[in-house]
C-alpha atoms as a PDB file:
ATOM      1  CA  MET A   1      -3.742  35.134 -14.145  1.00  0.00           C
ATOM      2  CA  LYS A   2      -6.988  34.083 -12.516  1.00  0.00           C
ATOM      3  CA  ALA A   3      -5.975  30.438 -12.662  1.00  0.00           C
ATOM      4  CA  ASP A   4      -2.609  31.219 -11.089  1.00  0.00           C
ATOM      5  CA  SER A   5      -4.073  33.333  -8.298  1.00  0.00           C
ATOM      6  CA  GLY A   6      -6.555  30.552  -7.554  1.00  0.00           C
ATOM      7  CA  VAL A   7      -3.966  27.797  -7.536  1.00  0.00           C
ATOM      8  CA  ASN A   8      -1.152  29.408  -5.535  1.00  0.00           C
ATOM      9  CA  PRO A   9      -3.095  30.056  -2.266  1.00  0.00           C
ATOM     10  CA  LEU A  10      -4.611  26.577  -2.484  1.00  0.00           C
ATOM     11  CA  LEU A  11      -1.186  25.107  -3.157  1.00  0.00           C
ATOM     12  CA  ASN A  12       0.270  26.821  -0.088  1.00  0.00           C
ATOM     13  CA  GLU A  13      -2.511  25.419   2.067  1.00  0.00           C
ATOM     14  CA  VAL A  14      -1.962  21.924   0.656  1.00  0.00           C
ATOM     15  CA  LEU A  15       1.773  22.127   1.357  1.00  0.00           C
ATOM     16  CA  ALA A  16       1.171  23.296   4.928  1.00  0.00           C
ATOM     17  CA  ILE A  17      -1.290  20.478   5.596  1.00  0.00           C
ATOM     18  CA  GLN A  18       1.053  17.935   3.981  1.00  0.00           C
ATOM     19  CA  LEU A  19       4.000  19.108   6.069  1.00  0.00           C
ATOM     20  CA  ILE A  20       2.080  18.620   9.308  1.00  0.00           C
ATOM     21  CA  ALA A  21       0.251  15.436   8.320  1.00  0.00           C
ATOM     22  CA  ILE A  22       3.159  13.506   6.808  1.00  0.00           C
ATOM     23  CA  ASN A  23       5.425  14.112   9.808  1.00  0.00           C
ATOM     24  CA  GLN A  24       2.689  12.979  12.213  1.00  0.00           C
ATOM     25  CA  TYR A  25       2.047   9.954  10.009  1.00  0.00           C
ATOM     26  CA  PHE A  26       5.696   8.849  10.035  1.00  0.00           C
ATOM     27  CA  LEU A  27       6.003   9.514  13.777  1.00  0.00           C
ATOM     28  CA  LEU A  28       2.977   7.380  14.633  1.00  0.00           C
ATOM     29  CA  GLY A  29       3.790   4.758  11.999  1.00  0.00           C
ATOM     30  CA  MET A  30       7.386   4.285  13.123  1.00  0.00           C
ATOM     31  CA  THR A  31       6.368   4.194  16.795  1.00  0.00           C
ATOM     32  CA  GLN A  32       3.704   1.545  16.230  1.00  0.00           C
ATOM     33  CA  GLY A  33       6.022  -0.359  13.879  1.00  0.00           C
ATOM     34  CA  ILE A  34       8.694  -0.586  16.570  1.00  0.00           C
ATOM     35  CA  TYR A  35       6.080  -1.826  19.056  1.00  0.00           C
ATOM     36  CA  VAL A  36       4.965  -4.540  16.622  1.00  0.00           C
ATOM     37  CA  ARG A  37       8.542  -5.609  15.814  1.00  0.00           C
ATOM     38  CA  THR A  38       9.475  -5.777  19.496  1.00  0.00           C
ATOM     39  CA  ALA A  39       6.339  -7.766  20.347  1.00  0.00           C
ATOM     40  CA  VAL A  40       6.884 -10.252  17.501  1.00  0.00           C
ATOM     41  CA  THR A  41      10.542 -10.721  18.442  1.00  0.00           C
ATOM     42  CA  ALA A  42       9.635 -11.371  22.079  1.00  0.00           C
ATOM     43  CA  ILE A  43       6.842 -13.813  21.146  1.00  0.00           C
ATOM     44  CA  VAL A  44       9.069 -15.800  18.770  1.00  0.00           C
ATOM     45  CA  TYR A  45      11.896 -15.935  21.322  1.00  0.00           C
ATOM     46  CA  ARG A  46       9.540 -17.031  24.109  1.00  0.00           C
ATOM     47  CA  LYS A  47       8.001 -19.684  21.861  1.00  0.00           C
ATOM     48  CA  SER A  48      11.420 -20.963  20.765  1.00  0.00           C
ATOM     49  CA  LEU A  49      12.257 -21.773  24.388  1.00  0.00           C
ATOM     50  CA  ARG A  50       9.246 -24.084  24.613  1.00  0.00           C
ATOM     51  CA  LEU A  51       9.720 -26.085  21.410  1.00  0.00           C
ATOM     52  CA  CYS A  52       9.749 -29.860  21.665  1.00  0.00           C
ATOM     53  CA  THR A  53      12.423 -31.988  20.009  1.00  0.00           C
ATOM     54  CA  SER A  54      10.456 -32.623  16.808  1.00  0.00           C
ATOM     55  CA  ALA A  55       9.634 -28.912  16.476  1.00  0.00           C
ATOM     56  CA  ARG A  56      13.290 -27.984  16.996  1.00  0.00           C
ATOM     57  CA  ASN A  57      14.250 -30.311  14.160  1.00  0.00           C
ATOM     58  CA  LYS A  58      11.673 -28.643  11.924  1.00  0.00           C
ATOM     59  CA  PHE A  59      12.440 -25.065  12.965  1.00  0.00           C
ATOM     60  CA  GLY A  60      16.191 -24.725  13.274  1.00  0.00           C
ATOM     61  CA  SER A  61      18.096 -21.841  14.780  1.00  0.00           C
ATOM     62  CA  GLY A  62      18.447 -20.200  11.370  1.00  0.00           C
ATOM     63  CA  LYS A  63      14.697 -20.006  10.782  1.00  0.00           C
ATOM     64  CA  ILE A  64      14.070 -18.701  14.275  1.00  0.00           C
ATOM     65  CA  VAL A  65      16.727 -15.996  13.883  1.00  0.00           C
ATOM     66  CA  ASN A  66      15.244 -15.011  10.502  1.00  0.00           C
ATOM     67  CA  MET A  67      11.785 -14.724  12.069  1.00  0.00           C
ATOM     68  CA  MET A  68      13.136 -12.524  14.842  1.00  0.00           C
ATOM     69  CA  SER A  69      15.148 -10.246  12.557  1.00  0.00           C
ATOM     70  CA  ILE A  70      13.905 -10.260   8.948  1.00  0.00           C
ATOM     71  CA  ASP A  71      10.222 -11.196   9.345  1.00  0.00           C
ATOM     72  CA  SER A  72       9.662  -8.878  12.299  1.00  0.00           C
ATOM     73  CA  GLU A  73      11.272  -6.034  10.334  1.00  0.00           C
ATOM     74  CA  MET A  74       8.910  -6.694   7.402  1.00  0.00           C
ATOM     75  CA  LEU A  75       5.934  -6.383   9.764  1.00  0.00           C
ATOM     76  CA  ASN A  76       7.458  -3.160  11.048  1.00  0.00           C
ATOM     77  CA  ARG A  77       7.515  -1.772   7.497  1.00  0.00           C
ATOM     78  CA  VAL A  78       3.940  -2.889   6.834  1.00  0.00           C
ATOM     79  CA  VAL A  79       2.746  -0.940   9.868  1.00  0.00           C
ATOM     80  CA  GLN A  80       4.783   2.118   8.835  1.00  0.00           C
ATOM     81  CA  TYR A  81       3.872   2.245   5.150  1.00  0.00           C
ATOM     82  CA  GLY A  82       0.695   0.158   4.884  1.00  0.00           C
ATOM     83  CA  HIS A  83      -1.590   3.174   4.525  1.00  0.00           C
ATOM     84  CA  MET A  84       0.370   4.323   1.493  1.00  0.00           C
ATOM     85  CA  VAL A  85      -1.466   1.615  -0.467  1.00  0.00           C
ATOM     86  CA  TRP A  86      -4.574   3.823  -0.622  1.00  0.00           C
ATOM     87  CA  SER A  87      -3.273   7.286   0.320  1.00  0.00           C
ATOM     88  CA  ALA A  88      -0.711   7.286  -2.499  1.00  0.00           C
ATOM     89  CA  LEU A  89      -3.503   7.080  -5.080  1.00  0.00           C
ATOM     90  CA  VAL A  90      -5.384   9.933  -3.399  1.00  0.00           C
ATOM     91  CA  GLN A  91      -2.246  12.117  -3.342  1.00  0.00           C
ATOM     92  CA  ILE A  92      -1.531  11.446  -7.012  1.00  0.00           C
ATOM     93  CA  ILE A  93      -5.106  12.275  -8.090  1.00  0.00           C
ATOM     94  CA  ILE A  94      -5.217  15.537  -6.100  1.00  0.00           C
ATOM     95  CA  SER A  95      -1.770  16.537  -7.357  1.00  0.00           C
ATOM     96  CA  LEU A  96      -2.747  15.873 -10.980  1.00  0.00           C
ATOM     97  CA  VAL A  97      -5.902  17.974 -10.587  1.00  0.00           C
ATOM     98  CA  LEU A  98      -3.842  20.867  -9.235  1.00  0.00           C
ATOM     99  CA  LEU A  99      -1.255  20.352 -11.950  1.00  0.00           C
ATOM    100  CA  TYR A 100      -3.956  20.453 -14.633  1.00  0.00           C
ATOM    101  CA  ARG A 101      -5.033  23.853 -13.340  1.00  0.00           C
ATOM    102  CA  VAL A 102      -1.466  25.092 -13.744  1.00  0.00           C
ATOM    103  CA  ILE A 103      -0.273  23.695 -17.097  1.00  0.00           C
ATOM    104  CA  GLY A 104      -3.432  22.225 -18.606  1.00  0.00           C
ATOM    105  CA  VAL A 105      -3.364  19.225 -20.950  1.00  0.00           C
ATOM    106  CA  ALA A 106       0.437  19.031 -20.732  1.00  0.00           C
ATOM    107  CA  THR A 107      -0.218  17.243 -17.443  1.00  0.00           C
ATOM    108  CA  PHE A 108      -1.173  14.113 -19.403  1.00  0.00           C
ATOM    109  CA  ALA A 109       2.368  13.914 -20.800  1.00  0.00           C
ATOM    110  CA  GLY A 110       3.602  13.510 -17.237  1.00  0.00           C
ATOM    111  CA  VAL A 111       0.893  10.939 -16.589  1.00  0.00           C
ATOM    112  CA  ALA A 112       2.104   8.972 -19.637  1.00  0.00           C
ATOM    113  CA  VAL A 113       5.632   8.891 -18.206  1.00  0.00           C
ATOM    114  CA  MET A 114       4.302   7.646 -14.856  1.00  0.00           C
ATOM    115  CA  ILE A 115       2.345   4.893 -16.602  1.00  0.00           C
ATOM    116  CA  ILE A 116       5.507   3.827 -18.448  1.00  0.00           C
ATOM    117  CA  LEU A 117       7.501   3.699 -15.206  1.00  0.00           C
ATOM    118  CA  VAL A 118       4.912   1.615 -13.298  1.00  0.00           C
ATOM    119  CA  PRO A 119       5.603  -1.761 -15.036  1.00  0.00           C
ATOM    120  CA  ILE A 120       9.357  -1.158 -14.781  1.00  0.00           C
ATOM    121  CA  GLN A 121       9.136  -0.638 -11.033  1.00  0.00           C
ATOM    122  CA  GLY A 122       6.744  -3.578 -10.745  1.00  0.00           C
ATOM    123  CA  ARG A 123       9.248  -5.847 -12.456  1.00  0.00           C
ATOM    124  CA  LEU A 124      12.047  -4.632 -10.188  1.00  0.00           C
ATOM    125  CA  ALA A 125       9.817  -5.220  -7.142  1.00  0.00           C
ATOM    126  CA  LYS A 126       9.257  -8.843  -8.217  1.00  0.00           C
ATOM    127  CA  VAL A 127      12.998  -9.364  -8.659  1.00  0.00           C
ATOM    128  CA  LEU A 128      13.625  -7.864  -5.204  1.00  0.00           C
ATOM    129  CA  ALA A 129      11.030 -10.182  -3.648  1.00  0.00           C
ATOM    130  CA  HIS A 130      12.706 -13.199  -5.288  1.00  0.00           C
ATOM    131  CA  LEU A 131      16.149 -12.088  -4.087  1.00  0.00           C
ATOM    132  CA  ARG A 132      14.817 -11.430  -0.588  1.00  0.00           C
ATOM    133  CA  ALA A 133      13.512 -14.990  -0.396  1.00  0.00           C
ATOM    134  CA  ALA A 134      16.872 -16.271  -1.639  1.00  0.00           C
ATOM    135  CA  VAL A 135      18.691 -14.269   1.051  1.00  0.00           C
ATOM    136  CA  VAL A 136      16.480 -15.808   3.739  1.00  0.00           C
ATOM    137  CA  ARG A 137      17.223 -19.337   2.503  1.00  0.00           C
ATOM    138  CA  VAL A 138      20.981 -18.832   2.293  1.00  0.00           C
ATOM    139  CA  THR A 139      21.129 -17.029   5.646  1.00  0.00           C
ATOM    140  CA  ASP A 140      19.183 -19.865   7.230  1.00  0.00           C
ATOM    141  CA  GLU A 141      21.657 -22.360   5.757  1.00  0.00           C
ATOM    142  CA  ARG A 142      24.658 -20.367   7.025  1.00  0.00           C
ATOM    143  CA  ILE A 143      23.301 -19.999  10.557  1.00  0.00           C
ATOM    144  CA  LYS A 144      22.398 -23.690  10.699  1.00  0.00           C
ATOM    145  CA  LEU A 145      25.883 -24.684   9.545  1.00  0.00           C
ATOM    146  CA  THR A 146      27.525 -22.322  12.032  1.00  0.00           C
ATOM    147  CA  ASN A 147      25.503 -23.788  14.901  1.00  0.00           C
ATOM    148  CA  GLU A 148      26.419 -27.307  13.846  1.00  0.00           C
ATOM    149  CA  ILE A 149      30.100 -26.349  13.838  1.00  0.00           C
ATOM    150  CA  LEU A 150      29.859 -24.755  17.290  1.00  0.00           C
ATOM    151  CA  HIS A 151      28.040 -27.755  18.747  1.00  0.00           C
ATOM    152  CA  GLY A 152      30.547 -30.201  17.275  1.00  0.00           C
ATOM    153  CA  ILE A 153      33.675 -28.111  17.713  1.00  0.00           C
ATOM    154  CA  ARG A 154      35.397 -30.770  19.851  1.00  0.00           C
ATOM    155  CA  VAL A 155      34.977 -33.439  17.172  1.00  0.00           C
ATOM    156  CA  ILE A 156      36.109 -31.026  14.452  1.00  0.00           C
ATOM    157  CA  LYS A 157      39.225 -30.153  16.434  1.00  0.00           C
ATOM    158  CA  PHE A 158      39.934 -33.767  17.280  1.00  0.00           C
ATOM    159  CA  TYR A 159      39.883 -34.882  13.627  1.00  0.00           C
ATOM    160  CA  ALA A 160      41.456 -31.642  12.333  1.00  0.00           C
ATOM    161  CA  TRP A 161      38.452 -30.832  10.129  1.00  0.00           C
ATOM    162  CA  GLU A 162      38.845 -27.057  10.491  1.00  0.00           C
ATOM    163  CA  LYS A 163      39.756 -26.386   6.855  1.00  0.00           C
ATOM    164  CA  PRO A 164      36.933 -28.434   5.243  1.00  0.00           C
ATOM    165  CA  TYR A 165      34.333 -26.837   7.505  1.00  0.00           C
ATOM    166  CA  LEU A 166      35.853 -23.412   6.974  1.00  0.00           C
ATOM    167  CA  LYS A 167      35.575 -23.940   3.218  1.00  0.00           C
ATOM    168  CA  ARG A 168      31.920 -25.015   3.567  1.00  0.00           C
ATOM    169  CA  THR A 169      31.152 -21.957   5.680  1.00  0.00           C
ATOM    170  CA  MET A 170      32.913 -19.574   3.280  1.00  0.00           C
ATOM    171  CA  ASP A 171      31.140 -21.125   0.276  1.00  0.00           C
ATOM    172  CA  VAL A 172      27.761 -20.510   1.882  1.00  0.00           C
ATOM    173  CA  ARG A 173      28.834 -17.015   2.910  1.00  0.00           C
ATOM    174  CA  ASP A 174      30.016 -16.237  -0.630  1.00  0.00           C
ATOM    175  CA  ARG A 175      26.645 -17.320  -2.014  1.00  0.00           C
ATOM    176  CA  GLU A 176      24.924 -15.137   0.555  1.00  0.00           C
ATOM    177  CA  LEU A 177      27.075 -12.120  -0.332  1.00  0.00           C
ATOM    178  CA  ASN A 178      26.439 -12.722  -4.032  1.00  0.00           C
ATOM    179  CA  VAL A 179      22.678 -12.617  -3.497  1.00  0.00           C
ATOM    180  CA  LEU A 180      23.004  -9.562  -1.242  1.00  0.00           C
ATOM    181  CA  LEU A 181      25.049  -7.789  -3.932  1.00  0.00           C
ATOM    182  CA  LYS A 182      22.370  -8.492  -6.550  1.00  0.00           C
ATOM    183  CA  GLN A 183      19.715  -7.278  -4.147  1.00  0.00           C
ATOM    184  CA  LEU A 184      21.668  -4.067  -3.494  1.00  0.00           C
ATOM    185  CA  ILE A 185      22.111  -3.422  -7.234  1.00  0.00           C
ATOM    186  CA  ILE A 186      18.399  -3.895  -7.979  1.00  0.00           C
ATOM    187  CA  ARG A 187      17.411  -1.809  -4.967  1.00  0.00           C
ATOM    188  CA  THR A 188      19.772   0.979  -6.054  1.00  0.00           C
ATOM    189  CA  LEU A 189      18.385   0.872  -9.590  1.00  0.00           C
ATOM    190  CA  ASN A 190      14.832   1.006  -8.259  1.00  0.00           C
ATOM    191  CA  GLY A 191      15.739   3.918  -5.980  1.00  0.00           C
ATOM    192  CA  ALA A 192      17.327   5.787  -8.891  1.00  0.00           C
ATOM    193  CA  ILE A 193      14.138   5.383 -10.938  1.00  0.00           C
ATOM    194  CA  VAL A 194      11.996   6.483  -8.007  1.00  0.00           C
ATOM    195  CA  PHE A 195      13.962   9.662  -7.321  1.00  0.00           C
ATOM    196  CA  ALA A 196      14.386  10.447 -11.031  1.00  0.00           C
ATOM    197  CA  SER A 197      10.690   9.927 -11.836  1.00  0.00           C
ATOM    198  CA  PRO A 198       9.541  13.422 -10.700  1.00  0.00           C
ATOM    199  CA  ALA A 199      12.210  15.022 -12.893  1.00  0.00           C
ATOM    200  CA  LEU A 200      11.251  12.832 -15.870  1.00  0.00           C
ATOM    201  CA  VAL A 201       7.558  13.580 -15.381  1.00  0.00           C
ATOM    202  CA  ALA A 202       8.262  17.320 -15.075  1.00  0.00           C
ATOM    203  CA  ALA A 203      10.496  17.319 -18.167  1.00  0.00           C
ATOM    204  CA  ALA A 204       7.811  15.596 -20.246  1.00  0.00           C
ATOM    205  CA  ALA A 205       5.057  17.931 -19.024  1.00  0.00           C
ATOM    206  CA  PHE A 206       7.082  21.122 -19.532  1.00  0.00           C
ATOM    207  CA  SER A 207       8.245  19.971 -22.974  1.00  0.00           C
ATOM    208  CA  VAL A 208       4.675  19.400 -24.157  1.00  0.00           C
ATOM    209  CA  TYR A 209       3.560  22.667 -22.562  1.00  0.00           C
ATOM    210  CA  SER A 210       6.310  24.539 -24.444  1.00  0.00           C
ATOM    211  CA  LEU A 211       5.529  22.753 -27.732  1.00  0.00           C
ATOM    212  CA  GLN A 212       1.959  23.991 -27.436  1.00  0.00           C
ATOM    213  CA  GLY A 213       3.299  27.511 -27.836  1.00  0.00           C
ATOM    214  CA  GLU A 214       2.714  28.437 -24.198  1.00  0.00           C
ATOM    215  CA  GLU A 215       5.209  30.552 -22.298  1.00  0.00           C
ATOM    216  CA  LEU A 216       6.922  28.994 -19.309  1.00  0.00           C
ATOM    217  CA  THR A 217       6.837  31.680 -16.626  1.00  0.00           C
ATOM    218  CA  ALA A 218       7.821  31.595 -12.972  1.00  0.00           C
ATOM    219  CA  SER A 219       4.120  31.534 -11.997  1.00  0.00           C
ATOM    220  CA  LYS A 220       3.793  28.268 -13.969  1.00  0.00           C
ATOM    221  CA  ILE A 221       7.135  26.593 -13.313  1.00  0.00           C
ATOM    222  CA  PHE A 222       7.438  26.917  -9.527  1.00  0.00           C
ATOM    223  CA  PRO A 223       3.902  25.760  -8.612  1.00  0.00           C
ATOM    224  CA  ALA A 224       4.252  22.852 -11.062  1.00  0.00           C
ATOM    225  CA  LEU A 225       7.638  21.861  -9.636  1.00  0.00           C
ATOM    226  CA  THR A 226       6.192  21.979  -6.133  1.00  0.00           C
ATOM    227  CA  ILE A 227       3.361  19.667  -7.169  1.00  0.00           C
ATOM    228  CA  PHE A 228       5.815  17.299  -8.856  1.00  0.00           C
ATOM    229  CA  ASN A 229       7.764  17.235  -5.593  1.00  0.00           C
ATOM    230  CA  ILE A 230       4.552  16.282  -3.760  1.00  0.00           C
ATOM    231  CA  ILE A 231       4.031  13.409  -6.203  1.00  0.00           C
ATOM    232  CA  ARG A 232       7.499  12.055  -5.396  1.00  0.00           C
ATOM    233  CA  TYR A 233       6.388  10.460  -2.106  1.00  0.00           C
ATOM    234  CA  PRO A 234       3.440   8.422  -3.452  1.00  0.00           C
ATOM    235  CA  LEU A 235       5.531   7.400  -6.468  1.00  0.00           C
ATOM    236  CA  THR A 236       8.130   6.005  -4.060  1.00  0.00           C
ATOM    237  CA  PHE A 237       5.609   3.444  -2.846  1.00  0.00           C
END
């Protein structure tokens, strides 16, 4: 009972600090991220108005639009979640220390599950990065083709080339949707693993704790579940 009475007050303090700190973090991170995205979008747009002819041939409308929408959004996310690179490790270590005080060596069963999930999520992250690059290329191609059609609409109408150009546009769009569908499937799978990981870690830890002949009481289960819920955020990143 001494271990429980020592952990529970400390756990309540940790939860209170986390509640305040994480909300302030996301507020400041999202605010600064929006500032960065807006600034990058304005800079790219202002620069695009000053491009010479050779630069316009090199950087088409599709690439410029991608820079203003996709690339600026990626910078926004870096500003929002960049600190999770180091803070996630700190949160996991502190949570595991607290968890060890609650259920002892059974904690390492949960650690083993986390280690197993890391390469799976890493592989999915690589696939997502590859698909994201593919989306940028196809979107650039579609926007470039659309601009060409709009600029040459009189010639297309004059020679009745609407159907061939419509087919070209729809083919590019279909390829874009196909890549987006794959990206959505992988992202959904990754999200499912992320949100299921605390439950899997808890199940492994509680199973080992029970196999050791220990009794699972409310004073053990609820603090442990709370700690597993804390671990969910750093595991997401």
